[in-house]
């Protein structure tokens, strides 16, 4: 296959990704609105959950993504490659627990 099709759930945006092309790079080149900041796996802004398809995380030892998140099909798009067509959804930022005083 020469290109994979990626669909962003909830926004219905689609774009294509070539084999061995970073997903975030492909999105940026095609004008797709994907939140990102650092582009090196440390800010976690581009974390998505893969709903369908196969996405390979690369250089996971250098990223701020846990083994548990990887098992739950979460990926940092700046450090990931498509291995099939994909449907993905943005992961909501973690909410901090409110600290109440006495």
C-alpha atoms as a PDB file:
ATOM      1  CA  UNK A   1       0.000   0.000   0.000  1.00  0.00           C
ATOM      2  CA  UNK A   2       1.357   3.406  -0.894  1.00  0.00           C
ATOM      3  CA  UNK A   3      -0.689   5.462   1.595  1.00  0.00           C
ATOM      4  CA  UNK A   4      -2.902   4.924   4.619  1.00  0.00           C
ATOM      5  CA  UNK A   5      -6.082   6.884   5.328  1.00  0.00           C
ATOM      6  CA  UNK A   6      -6.446   8.413   8.781  1.00  0.00           C
ATOM      7  CA  UNK A   7      -9.782   9.680  10.071  1.00  0.00           C
ATOM      8  CA  UNK A   8      -9.983  11.954  13.108  1.00  0.00           C
ATOM      9  CA  UNK A   9     -13.146  10.987  14.984  1.00  0.00           C
ATOM     10  CA  UNK A  10     -15.393  13.835  16.143  1.00  0.00           C
ATOM     11  CA  UNK A  11     -14.034  16.272  13.538  1.00  0.00           C
ATOM     12  CA  UNK A  12     -14.497  14.012  10.497  1.00  0.00           C
ATOM     13  CA  UNK A  13     -11.173  15.227   9.105  1.00  0.00           C
ATOM     14  CA  UNK A  14      -9.262  12.718   6.989  1.00  0.00           C
ATOM     15  CA  UNK A  15      -5.729  12.720   5.652  1.00  0.00           C
ATOM     16  CA  UNK A  16      -3.217  10.320   4.169  1.00  0.00           C
ATOM     17  CA  UNK A  17       0.026   9.028   5.631  1.00  0.00           C
ATOM     18  CA  UNK A  18       2.798   7.329   3.678  1.00  0.00           C
ATOM     19  CA  UNK A  19       4.594   4.285   5.101  1.00  0.00           C
ATOM     20  CA  UNK A  20       7.400   5.435   7.439  1.00  0.00           C
ATOM     21  CA  UNK A  21       5.985   8.983   7.628  1.00  0.00           C
ATOM     22  CA  UNK A  22       5.315  10.413  11.091  1.00  0.00           C
ATOM     23  CA  UNK A  23       1.543  10.830  11.477  1.00  0.00           C
ATOM     24  CA  UNK A  24       1.799  14.367  12.883  1.00  0.00           C
ATOM     25  CA  UNK A  25       4.059  15.460  10.008  1.00  0.00           C
ATOM     26  CA  UNK A  26       1.538  14.183   7.449  1.00  0.00           C
ATOM     27  CA  UNK A  27      -1.317  15.991   9.211  1.00  0.00           C
ATOM     28  CA  UNK A  28       0.583  19.285   9.356  1.00  0.00           C
ATOM     29  CA  UNK A  29       1.550  19.079   5.664  1.00  0.00           C
ATOM     30  CA  UNK A  30      -2.102  18.565   4.726  1.00  0.00           C
ATOM     31  CA  UNK A  31      -3.464  21.370   6.922  1.00  0.00           C
ATOM     32  CA  UNK A  32      -5.217  19.079   9.392  1.00  0.00           C
ATOM     33  CA  UNK A  33      -5.917  20.625  12.781  1.00  0.00           C
ATOM     34  CA  UNK A  34      -4.024  18.382  15.210  1.00  0.00           C
ATOM     35  CA  UNK A  35      -2.927  19.923  18.513  1.00  0.00           C
ATOM     36  CA  UNK A  36       0.829  19.693  19.059  1.00  0.00           C
ATOM     37  CA  UNK A  37       3.690  21.581  20.638  1.00  0.00           C
ATOM     38  CA  UNK A  38       7.100  19.968  21.137  1.00  0.00           C
ATOM     39  CA  UNK A  39       7.103  17.375  18.286  1.00  0.00           C
ATOM     40  CA  UNK A  40       9.487  15.111  20.249  1.00  0.00           C
ATOM     41  CA  UNK A  41       7.199  13.117  22.559  1.00  0.00           C
ATOM     42  CA  UNK A  42       7.579  15.160  25.714  1.00  0.00           C
ATOM     43  CA  UNK A  43       4.625  17.579  25.868  1.00  0.00           C
ATOM     44  CA  UNK A  44       1.857  14.980  25.291  1.00  0.00           C
ATOM     45  CA  UNK A  45      -0.264  17.515  23.410  1.00  0.00           C
ATOM     46  CA  UNK A  46      -0.689  15.179  20.411  1.00  0.00           C
ATOM     47  CA  UNK A  47      -1.872  12.100  22.334  1.00  0.00           C
ATOM     48  CA  UNK A  48      -4.696  10.226  20.586  1.00  0.00           C
ATOM     49  CA  UNK A  49      -6.477   6.943  21.153  1.00  0.00           C
ATOM     50  CA  UNK A  50      -6.449   4.590  18.187  1.00  0.00           C
ATOM     51  CA  UNK A  51     -10.036   3.343  17.809  1.00  0.00           C
ATOM     52  CA  UNK A  52      -9.429   1.219  14.687  1.00  0.00           C
ATOM     53  CA  UNK A  53      -6.296   0.225  12.837  1.00  0.00           C
ATOM     54  CA  UNK A  54      -2.654  -0.226  13.728  1.00  0.00           C
ATOM     55  CA  UNK A  55      -0.296   2.571  14.757  1.00  0.00           C
ATOM     56  CA  UNK A  56       3.294   1.772  15.703  1.00  0.00           C
ATOM     57  CA  UNK A  57       4.852   3.910  18.428  1.00  0.00           C
ATOM     58  CA  UNK A  58       8.530   4.631  17.774  1.00  0.00           C
ATOM     59  CA  UNK A  59      11.268   5.576  20.231  1.00  0.00           C
ATOM     60  CA  UNK A  60       8.931   4.927  23.176  1.00  0.00           C
ATOM     61  CA  UNK A  61      11.851   4.986  25.592  1.00  0.00           C
ATOM     62  CA  UNK A  62      12.278   8.688  24.715  1.00  0.00           C
ATOM     63  CA  UNK A  63       8.569   9.613  25.007  1.00  0.00           C
ATOM     64  CA  UNK A  64       6.353  10.550  27.903  1.00  0.00           C
ATOM     65  CA  UNK A  65       3.893   7.737  27.304  1.00  0.00           C
ATOM     66  CA  UNK A  66       3.434   4.857  29.701  1.00  0.00           C
ATOM     67  CA  UNK A  67       3.327   1.146  28.877  1.00  0.00           C
ATOM     68  CA  UNK A  68      -0.247   1.151  30.213  1.00  0.00           C
ATOM     69  CA  UNK A  69      -1.245   3.921  27.772  1.00  0.00           C
ATOM     70  CA  UNK A  70       0.329   1.989  24.905  1.00  0.00           C
ATOM     71  CA  UNK A  71      -1.678  -1.098  25.904  1.00  0.00           C
ATOM     72  CA  UNK A  72      -4.817   1.068  25.848  1.00  0.00           C
ATOM     73  CA  UNK A  73      -4.020   2.030  22.210  1.00  0.00           C
ATOM     74  CA  UNK A  74      -2.938   5.576  23.023  1.00  0.00           C
ATOM     75  CA  UNK A  75      -0.215   7.086  20.850  1.00  0.00           C
ATOM     76  CA  UNK A  76       1.730  10.321  20.554  1.00  0.00           C
ATOM     77  CA  UNK A  77       1.274  11.267  16.888  1.00  0.00           C
ATOM     78  CA  UNK A  78       4.676  12.972  16.767  1.00  0.00           C
ATOM     79  CA  UNK A  79       6.314   9.602  17.467  1.00  0.00           C
ATOM     80  CA  UNK A  80       4.074   7.175  15.571  1.00  0.00           C
ATOM     81  CA  UNK A  81       3.725   5.486  12.177  1.00  0.00           C
ATOM     82  CA  UNK A  82       0.626   4.066  10.473  1.00  0.00           C
ATOM     83  CA  UNK A  83       0.608   0.374   9.672  1.00  0.00           C
ATOM     84  CA  UNK A  84      -2.991   0.375   8.346  1.00  0.00           C
ATOM     85  CA  UNK A  85      -5.891   2.744   7.782  1.00  0.00           C
ATOM     86  CA  UNK A  86      -6.778   4.341  11.124  1.00  0.00           C
ATOM     87  CA  UNK A  87      -9.630   5.946  13.034  1.00  0.00           C
ATOM     88  CA  UNK A  88      -8.422   7.932  16.034  1.00  0.00           C
ATOM     89  CA  UNK A  89      -9.804  10.235  18.701  1.00  0.00           C
ATOM     90  CA  UNK A  90      -8.158  12.988  20.749  1.00  0.00           C
ATOM     91  CA  UNK A  91      -7.521  12.009  24.355  1.00  0.00           C
ATOM     92  CA  UNK A  92      -8.874  14.571  26.807  1.00  0.00           C
ATOM     93  CA  UNK A  93      -6.271  16.113  29.084  1.00  0.00           C
ATOM     94  CA  UNK A  94      -6.094  14.666  32.556  1.00  0.00           C
ATOM     95  CA  UNK A  95      -7.990  16.660  35.111  1.00  0.00           C
ATOM     96  CA  UNK A  96      -6.259  17.521  38.331  1.00  0.00           C
ATOM     97  CA  UNK A  97      -8.075  16.623  41.513  1.00  0.00           C
ATOM     98  CA  UNK A  98      -9.297  19.609  43.478  1.00  0.00           C
ATOM     99  CA  UNK A  99      -7.499  20.105  46.750  1.00  0.00           C
ATOM    100  CA  UNK A 100      -9.827  21.282  49.441  1.00  0.00           C
ATOM    101  CA  UNK A 101      -8.633  23.071  52.537  1.00  0.00           C
ATOM    102  CA  UNK A 102      -9.855  22.530  56.085  1.00  0.00           C
END
